[in-house]
Amino acid sequence: MTADARAPGTRGPTARCAAGEFRGGASGGVEFWKGIRYAEAPTGMLRWRAPRAASPVSADAVRFGAAAPQSPNRAIRLGDGVRLDEDCLFLNVWRPAGSEGEPLPVMVWIHGGAYALGSGSQPLYDGGRFAVSQGVVVVTLNYRLGAFGFLELGALLRDRTEFDGNLGLRDVLLALEWVRDNIEAFGGNAARVTIAGESSGAGMVGALLTCEAARGLFTRAIMQSAPAASMYGIERAEAVAARFVRRLGIEPRDTRSLRNVGVERILAAASELYSEIPTETPGRLAFAPVVDGELLPEAPIRALSRGEGAAVPLIIGTNRDEASVFRLMRSPVLPITTAQLRRMVDELRDEQPEVKLPGVEHILRAYAASGRRGGIDIARDLAFRLPATWIAEGHATAAGTWLYRFDHAAPLLRITGLGATHGSELPYVWGNLGSAATFGGQRLAHRISAHAQGRWGAFVRGGPPDVEGAPPWPLFGTRRASLVIGRVDRETEDLDASLRAAWGARVFGFQ
């Protein structure tokens, strides 16, 4: 809604709350606050430590704070003039102008990026349009990424007094506590908070659904294209941390050296592991939340598939062509080739014999019989669709659950062969339609966006995700109903029956 996401606009309202006094901006019917510090700088002796709540301040809040350190990636547009800094724990708030009356429902957005990329201040996540069109308050946030956010140094060094774990997840928890304690001063209702995210951000939502420390901090949840089965145990996390420390070439028990290593050296070592680990062990990420037996007592995919997460309403789904962008970019994060898939399936069968996972030949035959492609569709389903269906099946026994598949592909994405690829739903949900979404069909793009925003907004406001002028979205239940979102939305029953035929009905995940 703002003409320039980084411009302060006109003088806006002042919010006074426990966290301090924040002078915001206003533009085009939107009031906003940007770059609010919710935690002390995680630098020096606070590097690799649990976040500490920021002290109250009086501050102008019209420009975004720094994004978390990360290596450049052409798939993640951080925006012009963005600053990267280890001091990155900031959040942003948007609300419709003139909404000082009844507190509005809140959507807290957790950005994606393979746990190593992205920011809450990406232009794609400018919350103005969604806030105004849906009558809600939007919060976006940063959390520590990559080696800064997901290294288990405490486990490696057997010293929890010097290093904490699951730091990125702890950052998000602290941000949610900030929302609970302060959002009413910004026009939001702390008792009506929806957490939402895409890709690894949705993975974080899944973790929060099973995290006891998060109970009471949100009332609804949205998971878009979550790699929900890609969280690992403490032994694997220790092995990654050991490789990281060796890569730095320093003595692992020299805590002073670890804390004094330059950001660029840390990024370089982390970038190498980001590529090497999924290449060596297909399907595994270098950095992700860790099943540590404390903050995360077990793999979230297992708890959620049993219906044991927080009993809050949930929207969950994936895109039809999730894996195509990974193939185009030759990303090591997602295995595409048949050889990689054979190796991955064999490793899964060895690690989890109790699952009785089918052999690769059976899986390939099942895909061919249903008219699907081999490697790229198998990669899509292993990483995204299967976990989504497992979670929907389990969570539907505990709370209202709505499952979707986003099938619409803008003309430019169809021409390039990407289709409805990973992340392609985001411009429609946020209403921030760029040229890729509108090229060759602006009217259609805006109609799909209006329906997508309307469904997400209705859910955030506390109702079912239905919108006028489009078919109702049925609950996932005994009929396994899903909504296929496209040029025309349609309800379908048991959309994923062929997946069960190929993979069986047992839940499995990457260890």
Protein backbone atom coordinates (compact mmCIF):
# COMPACT_ATOMS: atom_id res chain seq x y z
CA MET A 1 0.00 0.00 0.00
CA THR A 2 2.95 2.30 0.60
CA ALA A 3 4.57 3.77 -2.51
CA ASP A 4 8.04 2.97 -1.21
CA ALA A 5 8.38 0.34 1.50
CA ARG A 6 11.50 2.08 2.79
CA ALA A 7 10.28 5.68 2.71
CA PRO A 8 8.98 7.12 5.97
CA GLY A 9 5.91 8.76 4.40
CA THR A 10 4.10 11.39 6.49
CA ARG A 11 4.24 11.59 10.25
CA GLY A 12 2.12 8.86 11.77
CA PRO A 13 0.77 7.93 15.18
CA THR A 14 2.77 7.33 18.33
CA ALA A 15 2.39 4.01 20.15
CA ARG A 16 3.09 3.93 23.89
CA CYS A 17 3.51 0.52 25.47
CA ALA A 18 5.63 -1.52 27.85
CA ALA A 19 8.41 -1.64 25.23
CA GLY A 20 8.59 2.15 25.01
CA GLU A 21 7.30 4.96 22.83
CA PHE A 22 7.43 4.53 19.04
CA ARG A 23 6.70 7.26 16.52
CA GLY A 24 5.48 5.73 13.28
CA GLY A 25 4.70 6.83 9.76
CA ALA A 26 1.66 6.95 7.48
CA SER A 27 1.10 6.64 3.75
CA GLY A 28 -1.80 5.74 1.46
CA GLY A 29 -4.28 4.76 4.17
CA VAL A 30 -1.70 2.77 6.15
CA GLU A 31 -0.06 3.52 9.48
CA PHE A 32 3.18 1.69 10.17
CA TRP A 33 6.06 1.26 12.54
CA LYS A 34 9.32 -0.16 11.22
CA GLY A 35 12.54 -1.32 12.80
CA ILE A 36 11.28 -1.81 16.35
CA ARG A 37 13.95 -3.59 18.37
CA TYR A 38 12.43 -6.51 20.29
CA ALA A 39 15.71 -7.99 21.56
CA GLU A 40 19.13 -6.74 22.54
CA ALA A 41 21.82 -7.01 19.88
CA PRO A 42 22.90 -10.70 19.76
CA THR A 43 26.56 -9.75 19.44
CA GLY A 44 29.73 -10.10 21.50
CA MET A 45 29.01 -12.26 24.54
CA LEU A 46 25.36 -12.57 23.38
CA ARG A 47 26.36 -14.28 20.13
CA TRP A 48 24.95 -17.84 20.21
CA ARG A 49 23.00 -17.05 23.38
CA ALA A 50 19.24 -16.97 23.91
CA PRO A 51 17.78 -13.56 23.02
CA ARG A 52 17.25 -10.98 25.74
CA ALA A 53 14.27 -8.63 25.63
CA ALA A 54 15.15 -5.09 24.60
CA SER A 55 15.01 -2.34 27.19
CA PRO A 56 12.20 0.23 26.80
CA VAL A 57 13.12 3.13 24.51
CA SER A 58 11.68 6.24 22.92
CA ALA A 59 12.39 6.07 19.20
CA ASP A 60 11.33 6.97 15.68
CA ALA A 61 10.13 3.83 13.91
CA VAL A 62 9.88 4.73 10.25
CA ARG A 63 12.75 2.75 8.72
CA PHE A 64 13.46 -0.96 8.71
CA GLY A 65 16.21 -2.35 10.90
CA ALA A 66 19.05 -4.45 9.56
CA ALA A 67 18.38 -7.90 8.08
CA ALA A 68 20.20 -10.95 9.42
CA PRO A 69 23.61 -11.70 7.89
CA GLN A 70 23.29 -14.00 4.88
CA SER A 71 24.95 -14.84 1.61
CA PRO A 72 23.47 -13.23 -1.53
CA ASN A 73 20.82 -15.29 -3.32
CA ARG A 74 19.04 -14.20 -6.48
CA ALA A 75 15.83 -15.93 -5.43
CA ILE A 76 15.48 -13.75 -2.32
CA ARG A 77 14.99 -10.04 -3.05
CA LEU A 78 15.82 -8.21 0.17
CA GLY A 79 15.12 -4.78 -1.30
CA ASP A 80 17.17 -1.75 -2.26
CA GLY A 81 19.52 -0.36 0.33
CA VAL A 82 19.03 -3.18 2.80
CA ARG A 83 21.68 -3.40 5.50
CA LEU A 84 22.93 -6.75 6.82
CA ASP A 85 24.07 -6.85 10.41
CA GLU A 86 24.35 -9.35 13.24
CA ASP A 87 22.27 -6.84 15.22
CA CYS A 88 19.09 -7.79 13.37
CA LEU A 89 16.31 -8.59 15.87
CA PHE A 90 13.68 -6.10 14.74
CA LEU A 91 9.98 -6.27 13.89
CA ASN A 92 7.55 -4.15 11.88
CA VAL A 93 3.85 -3.33 12.30
CA TRP A 94 1.20 -2.18 9.81
CA ARG A 95 -2.43 -1.27 10.47
CA PRO A 96 -5.24 0.47 8.58
CA ALA A 97 -5.24 4.22 9.18
CA GLY A 98 -7.85 5.43 11.63
CA SER A 99 -8.25 2.08 13.41
CA GLU A 100 -7.97 3.34 16.97
CA GLY A 101 -11.28 1.74 18.03
CA GLU A 102 -11.90 -1.95 18.63
CA PRO A 103 -8.59 -3.88 18.68
CA LEU A 104 -7.99 -5.71 15.40
CA PRO A 105 -6.94 -9.33 14.86
CA VAL A 106 -3.19 -9.77 14.29
CA MET A 107 -1.21 -11.78 11.75
CA VAL A 108 2.43 -12.38 12.67
CA TRP A 109 4.49 -13.38 9.62
CA ILE A 110 7.60 -15.59 9.83
CA HIS A 111 9.58 -15.34 6.60
CA GLY A 112 11.10 -18.29 4.78
CA GLY A 113 14.46 -18.89 3.11
CA ALA A 114 15.77 -22.37 4.05
CA TYR A 115 16.53 -21.11 7.57
CA ALA A 116 19.44 -19.18 6.07
CA LEU A 117 17.96 -16.39 3.92
CA GLY A 118 15.34 -13.67 3.93
CA SER A 119 13.97 -10.91 6.13
CA GLY A 120 10.72 -9.58 7.51
CA SER A 121 11.40 -6.35 5.60
CA GLN A 122 11.44 -7.88 2.11
CA PRO A 123 9.31 -5.75 -0.24
CA LEU A 124 7.12 -8.79 -0.87
CA TYR A 125 6.06 -8.68 2.80
CA ASP A 126 5.06 -5.03 2.95
CA GLY A 127 1.96 -5.48 5.09
CA GLY A 128 0.05 -2.37 4.01
CA ARG A 129 -2.24 -3.88 1.39
CA PHE A 130 -3.14 -6.91 3.46
CA ALA A 131 -3.75 -4.84 6.60
CA VAL A 132 -6.06 -2.39 4.82
CA SER A 133 -7.95 -4.87 2.64
CA GLN A 134 -8.54 -7.31 5.51
CA GLY A 135 -8.91 -4.96 8.47
CA VAL A 136 -6.12 -6.54 10.53
CA VAL A 137 -2.77 -5.65 12.09
CA VAL A 138 0.25 -7.23 10.35
CA VAL A 139 3.55 -7.92 12.09
CA THR A 140 6.69 -9.11 10.30
CA LEU A 141 9.93 -9.98 12.06
CA ASN A 142 13.57 -10.95 11.68
CA TYR A 143 15.23 -13.86 13.44
CA ARG A 144 18.79 -15.18 13.38
CA LEU A 145 19.60 -17.31 10.35
CA GLY A 146 22.04 -20.01 9.30
CA ALA A 147 24.99 -20.54 11.62
CA PHE A 148 23.95 -17.59 13.80
CA GLY A 149 20.50 -19.06 14.45
CA PHE A 150 20.68 -22.84 14.19
CA LEU A 151 24.08 -24.11 15.34
CA GLU A 152 24.10 -26.43 18.35
CA LEU A 153 27.43 -25.33 19.80
CA GLY A 154 26.27 -25.98 23.35
CA ALA A 155 25.64 -29.63 22.53
CA LEU A 156 28.95 -29.93 20.70
CA LEU A 157 31.00 -28.36 23.48
CA ARG A 158 28.90 -29.89 26.28
CA ASP A 159 28.59 -26.39 27.72
CA ARG A 160 25.06 -25.03 27.93
CA THR A 161 26.29 -22.25 30.19
CA GLU A 162 28.18 -20.65 27.28
CA PHE A 163 26.04 -21.48 24.23
CA ASP A 164 22.30 -21.90 23.74
CA GLY A 165 20.56 -23.78 20.94
CA ASN A 166 17.56 -23.28 18.66
CA LEU A 167 18.30 -19.56 18.67
CA GLY A 168 16.22 -18.68 15.60
CA LEU A 169 13.22 -20.37 17.18
CA ARG A 170 13.89 -18.64 20.50
CA ASP A 171 14.02 -15.30 18.67
CA VAL A 172 10.55 -15.90 17.24
CA LEU A 173 9.24 -16.90 20.66
CA LEU A 174 10.53 -13.65 22.13
CA ALA A 175 8.97 -11.66 19.28
CA LEU A 176 5.62 -13.36 19.99
CA GLU A 177 5.96 -12.42 23.66
CA TRP A 178 6.58 -8.84 22.51
CA VAL A 179 3.36 -9.00 20.49
CA ARG A 180 1.46 -10.35 23.50
CA ASP A 181 2.72 -7.56 25.76
CA ASN A 182 2.65 -4.59 23.37
CA ILE A 183 0.44 -5.04 20.31
CA GLU A 184 -2.65 -3.42 21.82
CA ALA A 185 -0.85 -0.05 21.70
CA PHE A 186 -0.62 -0.55 17.91
CA GLY A 187 -4.31 -1.36 17.53
CA GLY A 188 -3.99 -5.14 17.73
CA ASN A 189 -5.82 -7.71 19.84
CA ALA A 190 -3.31 -9.84 21.76
CA ALA A 191 -5.99 -12.51 22.26
CA ARG A 192 -6.47 -12.98 18.48
CA VAL A 193 -3.05 -13.68 17.00
CA THR A 194 -2.46 -15.86 13.93
CA ILE A 195 1.08 -17.03 13.24
CA ALA A 196 1.80 -17.58 9.56
CA GLY A 197 4.80 -18.43 7.43
CA GLU A 198 6.00 -19.87 4.15
CA SER A 199 8.71 -22.46 3.45
CA SER A 200 11.10 -22.54 6.43
CA GLY A 201 8.91 -19.89 8.04
CA ALA A 202 6.06 -22.39 7.88
CA GLY A 203 8.43 -24.98 9.32
CA MET A 204 8.88 -22.61 12.26
CA VAL A 205 5.09 -22.40 12.60
CA GLY A 206 4.98 -26.20 12.78
CA ALA A 207 7.64 -26.17 15.49
CA LEU A 208 5.72 -23.53 17.45
CA LEU A 209 2.58 -25.67 17.29
CA THR A 210 4.41 -28.38 19.24
CA CYS A 211 6.46 -26.11 21.52
CA GLU A 212 5.20 -25.81 25.09
CA ALA A 213 6.89 -22.41 25.44
CA ALA A 214 4.65 -21.07 22.65
CA ARG A 215 1.35 -22.09 24.23
CA GLY A 216 -0.97 -19.13 24.64
CA LEU A 217 1.02 -16.87 22.30
CA PHE A 218 -1.24 -17.49 19.27
CA THR A 219 -4.77 -18.65 18.51
CA ARG A 220 -4.54 -19.69 14.84
CA ALA A 221 -1.85 -20.83 12.42
CA ILE A 222 -1.07 -20.86 8.68
CA MET A 223 1.59 -23.09 7.09
CA GLN A 224 2.43 -22.45 3.43
CA SER A 225 4.78 -24.96 1.74
CA ALA A 226 6.41 -26.16 4.94
CA PRO A 227 9.41 -28.53 4.83
CA ALA A 228 7.93 -29.87 8.05
CA ALA A 229 9.79 -33.20 8.05
CA SER A 230 13.20 -31.53 7.83
CA MET A 231 14.11 -31.07 11.49
CA TYR A 232 16.80 -33.19 13.00
CA GLY A 233 18.01 -34.76 16.22
CA ILE A 234 20.77 -33.57 18.50
CA GLU A 235 23.43 -36.01 17.23
CA ARG A 236 23.13 -34.76 13.69
CA ALA A 237 23.14 -31.15 14.93
CA GLU A 238 26.36 -31.82 16.83
CA ALA A 239 27.98 -33.25 13.70
CA VAL A 240 27.07 -30.11 11.72
CA ALA A 241 28.44 -27.89 14.49
CA ALA A 242 31.68 -29.91 14.57
CA ARG A 243 32.14 -29.46 10.81
CA PHE A 244 31.45 -25.76 11.14
CA VAL A 245 34.07 -25.26 13.87
CA ARG A 246 36.63 -27.30 11.91
CA ARG A 247 35.90 -25.19 8.85
CA LEU A 248 36.76 -22.08 10.84
CA GLY A 249 40.10 -23.66 11.74
CA ILE A 250 39.93 -22.79 15.42
CA GLU A 251 40.06 -24.83 18.60
CA PRO A 252 36.42 -25.76 19.32
CA ARG A 253 36.65 -25.22 23.07
CA ASP A 254 38.16 -21.77 22.68
CA THR A 255 34.96 -19.82 23.32
CA ARG A 256 36.72 -16.48 23.01
CA SER A 257 37.80 -17.36 19.48
CA LEU A 258 34.30 -18.44 18.52
CA ARG A 259 32.83 -15.18 19.74
CA ASN A 260 35.46 -13.07 18.02
CA VAL A 261 35.26 -14.67 14.57
CA GLY A 262 34.24 -12.12 11.95
CA VAL A 263 30.78 -12.25 10.40
CA GLU A 264 32.18 -12.82 6.91
CA ARG A 265 34.17 -15.87 8.02
CA ILE A 266 31.08 -17.32 9.68
CA LEU A 267 29.01 -16.70 6.54
CA ALA A 268 31.66 -18.32 4.34
CA ALA A 269 31.85 -21.46 6.48
CA ALA A 270 28.07 -21.64 6.74
CA SER A 271 27.64 -21.19 2.98
CA GLU A 272 29.94 -24.13 2.30
CA LEU A 273 27.97 -26.36 4.67
CA TYR A 274 24.69 -25.09 3.18
CA SER A 275 25.78 -26.60 -0.15
CA GLU A 276 27.79 -29.60 1.01
CA ILE A 277 25.42 -31.25 3.48
CA PRO A 278 22.37 -31.67 1.23
CA THR A 279 24.71 -32.80 -1.56
CA GLU A 280 26.22 -35.51 0.64
CA THR A 281 22.94 -36.51 2.34
CA PRO A 282 20.08 -35.62 -0.05
CA GLY A 283 17.03 -34.16 1.65
CA ARG A 284 18.88 -32.84 4.70
CA LEU A 285 19.41 -29.15 5.37
CA ALA A 286 22.52 -27.77 7.05
CA PHE A 287 20.50 -25.50 9.31
CA ALA A 288 17.07 -26.08 10.84
CA PRO A 289 15.38 -26.19 14.25
CA VAL A 290 16.82 -29.03 16.33
CA VAL A 291 14.87 -31.70 18.19
CA ASP A 292 16.81 -31.05 21.38
CA GLY A 293 14.57 -32.80 23.93
CA GLU A 294 13.95 -29.45 25.62
CA LEU A 295 12.41 -26.72 23.51
CA LEU A 296 11.42 -29.36 20.93
CA PRO A 297 10.96 -32.69 22.73
CA GLU A 298 10.32 -34.62 19.51
CA ALA A 299 10.16 -34.07 15.77
CA PRO A 300 7.19 -31.75 15.15
CA ILE A 301 6.04 -33.79 12.14
CA ARG A 302 5.45 -36.80 14.39
CA ALA A 303 3.57 -34.91 17.11
CA LEU A 304 1.45 -33.03 14.56
CA SER A 305 0.61 -36.18 12.59
CA ARG A 306 -0.81 -37.62 15.83
CA GLY A 307 -2.90 -34.51 16.45
CA GLU A 308 -0.80 -33.51 19.46
CA GLY A 309 0.06 -29.94 18.52
CA ALA A 310 -1.65 -26.87 19.93
CA ALA A 311 -5.38 -27.31 19.24
CA VAL A 312 -5.81 -24.16 17.16
CA PRO A 313 -7.42 -23.81 13.71
CA LEU A 314 -4.93 -24.35 10.90
CA ILE A 315 -4.59 -23.59 7.19
CA ILE A 316 -1.94 -25.74 5.53
CA GLY A 317 -1.02 -26.41 1.92
CA THR A 318 1.51 -26.44 -0.88
CA ASN A 319 1.98 -25.37 -4.49
CA ARG A 320 1.53 -27.68 -7.46
CA ASP A 321 5.06 -27.27 -8.86
CA GLU A 322 7.09 -26.64 -5.70
CA ALA A 323 10.34 -28.18 -6.93
CA SER A 324 10.72 -26.45 -10.30
CA VAL A 325 12.58 -23.40 -9.01
CA PHE A 326 15.10 -25.62 -7.18
CA ARG A 327 15.82 -27.44 -10.44
CA LEU A 328 16.18 -24.17 -12.35
CA MET A 329 18.66 -22.80 -9.81
CA ARG A 330 20.47 -26.13 -9.46
CA SER A 331 19.97 -25.74 -5.74
CA PRO A 332 21.48 -28.49 -3.59
CA VAL A 333 18.69 -28.03 -1.02
CA LEU A 334 16.22 -30.26 -2.85
CA PRO A 335 17.31 -33.47 -4.64
CA ILE A 336 15.90 -33.71 -8.15
CA THR A 337 17.82 -36.41 -10.03
CA THR A 338 16.80 -40.05 -9.90
CA ALA A 339 20.21 -40.99 -8.49
CA GLN A 340 19.83 -38.54 -5.62
CA LEU A 341 16.34 -39.78 -4.91
CA ARG A 342 17.43 -43.42 -4.89
CA ARG A 343 20.11 -42.59 -2.38
CA MET A 344 17.72 -40.59 -0.22
CA VAL A 345 15.04 -43.27 -0.16
CA ASP A 346 17.60 -45.96 0.63
CA GLU A 347 18.90 -43.90 3.55
CA LEU A 348 15.38 -43.30 4.83
CA ARG A 349 14.63 -47.04 4.68
CA ASP A 350 17.83 -47.83 6.59
CA GLU A 351 17.20 -45.18 9.23
CA GLN A 352 13.54 -46.03 9.81
CA PRO A 353 12.95 -49.72 9.05
CA GLU A 354 9.76 -49.66 11.13
CA VAL A 355 8.12 -47.45 8.50
CA LYS A 356 8.47 -50.15 5.82
CA LEU A 357 9.04 -47.54 3.15
CA PRO A 358 8.42 -48.83 -0.40
CA GLY A 359 11.37 -49.32 -2.73
CA VAL A 360 12.31 -46.77 -5.36
CA GLU A 361 11.06 -48.94 -8.24
CA HIS A 362 7.58 -49.20 -6.69
CA ILE A 363 7.52 -45.44 -6.14
CA LEU A 364 8.59 -44.70 -9.72
CA ARG A 365 5.97 -47.09 -11.12
CA ALA A 366 3.26 -45.50 -8.99
CA TYR A 367 4.19 -42.03 -10.24
CA ALA A 368 4.23 -43.17 -13.85
CA ALA A 369 0.83 -44.84 -13.43
CA SER A 370 -0.71 -41.61 -12.15
CA GLY A 371 0.80 -39.54 -14.97
CA ARG A 372 3.26 -37.66 -12.80
CA ARG A 373 6.90 -37.02 -13.51
CA GLY A 374 9.60 -38.88 -11.65
CA GLY A 375 12.35 -36.95 -9.93
CA ILE A 376 10.91 -33.46 -9.76
CA ASP A 377 7.48 -34.56 -8.54
CA ILE A 378 8.93 -37.04 -6.05
CA ALA A 379 11.15 -34.28 -4.65
CA ARG A 380 8.15 -31.97 -4.36
CA ASP A 381 6.09 -34.56 -2.52
CA LEU A 382 8.84 -35.71 -0.16
CA ALA A 383 9.75 -32.19 0.86
CA PHE A 384 6.35 -30.52 0.93
CA ARG A 385 3.16 -32.37 -0.01
CA LEU A 386 3.51 -35.53 2.05
CA PRO A 387 4.29 -33.63 5.27
CA ALA A 388 1.33 -31.32 4.61
CA THR A 389 -1.07 -34.24 4.25
CA TRP A 390 0.28 -35.97 7.37
CA ILE A 391 -0.19 -32.80 9.40
CA ALA A 392 -3.68 -32.21 8.00
CA GLU A 393 -4.72 -35.76 8.87
CA GLY A 394 -3.46 -35.47 12.44
CA HIS A 395 -4.40 -31.90 13.22
CA ALA A 396 -7.94 -32.36 11.91
CA THR A 397 -8.56 -34.63 14.91
CA ALA A 398 -7.70 -31.76 17.27
CA ALA A 399 -8.95 -28.56 15.58
CA GLY A 400 -10.43 -27.20 12.37
CA THR A 401 -8.02 -27.79 9.51
CA TRP A 402 -8.16 -26.53 5.92
CA LEU A 403 -5.88 -28.07 3.26
CA TYR A 404 -5.10 -26.38 -0.06
CA ARG A 405 -3.03 -26.70 -3.21
CA PHE A 406 -2.13 -23.54 -5.13
CA ASP A 407 -2.25 -24.32 -8.85
CA HIS A 408 -2.29 -20.93 -10.53
CA ALA A 409 0.77 -20.04 -12.59
CA ALA A 410 1.19 -16.55 -14.00
CA PRO A 411 1.85 -16.49 -17.76
CA LEU A 412 5.52 -15.64 -17.28
CA LEU A 413 5.99 -18.60 -14.92
CA ARG A 414 4.23 -20.93 -17.37
CA ILE A 415 6.41 -19.72 -20.24
CA THR A 416 9.59 -20.34 -18.27
CA GLY A 417 8.41 -23.81 -17.20
CA LEU A 418 8.27 -22.96 -13.51
CA GLY A 419 4.50 -23.19 -13.16
CA ALA A 420 3.05 -22.78 -9.67
CA THR A 421 6.47 -23.04 -8.12
CA HIS A 422 7.70 -22.64 -4.56
CA GLY A 423 6.71 -19.22 -3.24
CA SER A 424 4.58 -18.28 -6.24
CA GLU A 425 1.45 -17.88 -4.07
CA LEU A 426 3.05 -15.15 -1.96
CA PRO A 427 2.36 -12.10 -4.19
CA TYR A 428 -1.31 -13.10 -4.33
CA VAL A 429 -1.69 -13.62 -0.59
CA TRP A 430 0.06 -10.34 0.24
CA GLY A 431 -1.48 -8.36 -2.60
CA ASN A 432 1.96 -7.16 -3.67
CA LEU A 433 1.68 -8.19 -7.30
CA GLY A 434 4.82 -7.63 -9.33
CA SER A 435 5.36 -8.00 -13.06
CA ALA A 436 5.82 -11.78 -12.85
CA ALA A 437 2.30 -12.16 -11.45
CA THR A 438 0.54 -9.68 -13.72
CA PHE A 439 2.41 -10.14 -17.03
CA GLY A 440 -0.21 -11.16 -19.59
CA GLY A 441 -3.17 -11.07 -17.22
CA GLN A 442 -3.55 -8.22 -14.75
CA ARG A 443 -7.30 -8.58 -14.28
CA LEU A 444 -7.03 -12.30 -13.51
CA ALA A 445 -4.07 -11.76 -11.19
CA HIS A 446 -5.93 -9.15 -9.17
CA ARG A 447 -9.04 -11.35 -8.92
CA ILE A 448 -7.03 -14.34 -7.68
CA SER A 449 -5.20 -12.06 -5.25
CA ALA A 450 -8.45 -10.61 -3.92
CA HIS A 451 -9.78 -14.11 -3.27
CA ALA A 452 -6.52 -15.30 -1.68
CA GLN A 453 -6.26 -12.25 0.56
CA GLY A 454 -9.95 -12.60 1.42
CA ARG A 455 -9.60 -16.24 2.45
CA TRP A 456 -6.49 -15.63 4.56
CA GLY A 457 -8.03 -12.48 6.05
CA ALA A 458 -11.30 -14.19 6.96
CA PHE A 459 -9.29 -16.85 8.76
CA VAL A 460 -7.16 -14.30 10.65
CA ARG A 461 -10.38 -12.54 11.71
CA GLY A 462 -11.58 -15.78 13.29
CA GLY A 463 -13.85 -17.38 10.71
CA PRO A 464 -13.55 -20.07 8.05
CA PRO A 465 -11.39 -19.10 5.05
CA ASP A 466 -14.30 -18.25 2.77
CA VAL A 467 -14.75 -15.23 0.54
CA GLU A 468 -17.68 -13.85 -1.42
CA GLY A 469 -17.70 -14.82 -5.08
CA ALA A 470 -15.70 -18.03 -4.65
CA PRO A 471 -16.62 -21.59 -3.59
CA PRO A 472 -16.61 -22.36 0.14
CA TRP A 473 -13.50 -24.06 1.48
CA PRO A 474 -14.54 -27.28 3.25
CA LEU A 475 -12.86 -28.57 6.38
CA PHE A 476 -10.40 -31.40 5.91
CA GLY A 477 -11.90 -34.47 7.54
CA THR A 478 -13.24 -37.89 6.69
CA ARG A 479 -13.66 -36.84 3.04
CA ARG A 480 -10.09 -35.48 2.88
CA ALA A 481 -11.45 -32.35 1.25
CA SER A 482 -9.01 -29.84 -0.24
CA LEU A 483 -9.30 -26.52 -2.02
CA VAL A 484 -7.46 -26.18 -5.32
CA ILE A 485 -6.69 -22.48 -5.80
CA GLY A 486 -6.43 -21.43 -9.42
CA ARG A 487 -8.13 -19.43 -12.13
CA VAL A 488 -11.32 -20.75 -10.54
CA ASP A 489 -11.11 -22.26 -7.07
CA ARG A 490 -12.56 -25.75 -6.73
CA GLU A 491 -13.20 -28.22 -3.96
CA THR A 492 -11.89 -31.73 -4.43
CA GLU A 493 -11.99 -34.91 -2.38
CA ASP A 494 -8.91 -36.98 -1.59
CA LEU A 495 -6.64 -35.01 -3.87
CA ASP A 496 -3.64 -36.97 -2.61
CA ALA A 497 -4.84 -40.57 -2.93
CA SER A 498 -2.06 -41.33 -5.41
CA LEU A 499 0.52 -40.25 -2.83
CA ARG A 500 -0.63 -42.94 -0.43
CA ALA A 501 -0.51 -45.47 -3.25
CA ALA A 502 3.12 -44.56 -3.90
CA TRP A 503 4.43 -44.06 -0.38
CA GLY A 504 2.07 -45.89 1.95
CA ALA A 505 0.31 -44.42 4.93
CA ARG A 506 3.15 -44.32 7.50
CA VAL A 507 4.75 -41.05 8.61
CA PHE A 508 8.50 -40.70 8.20
CA GLY A 509 10.97 -37.86 8.33
CA PHE A 510 14.62 -36.98 7.96
CA GLN A 511 16.59 -37.78 11.09
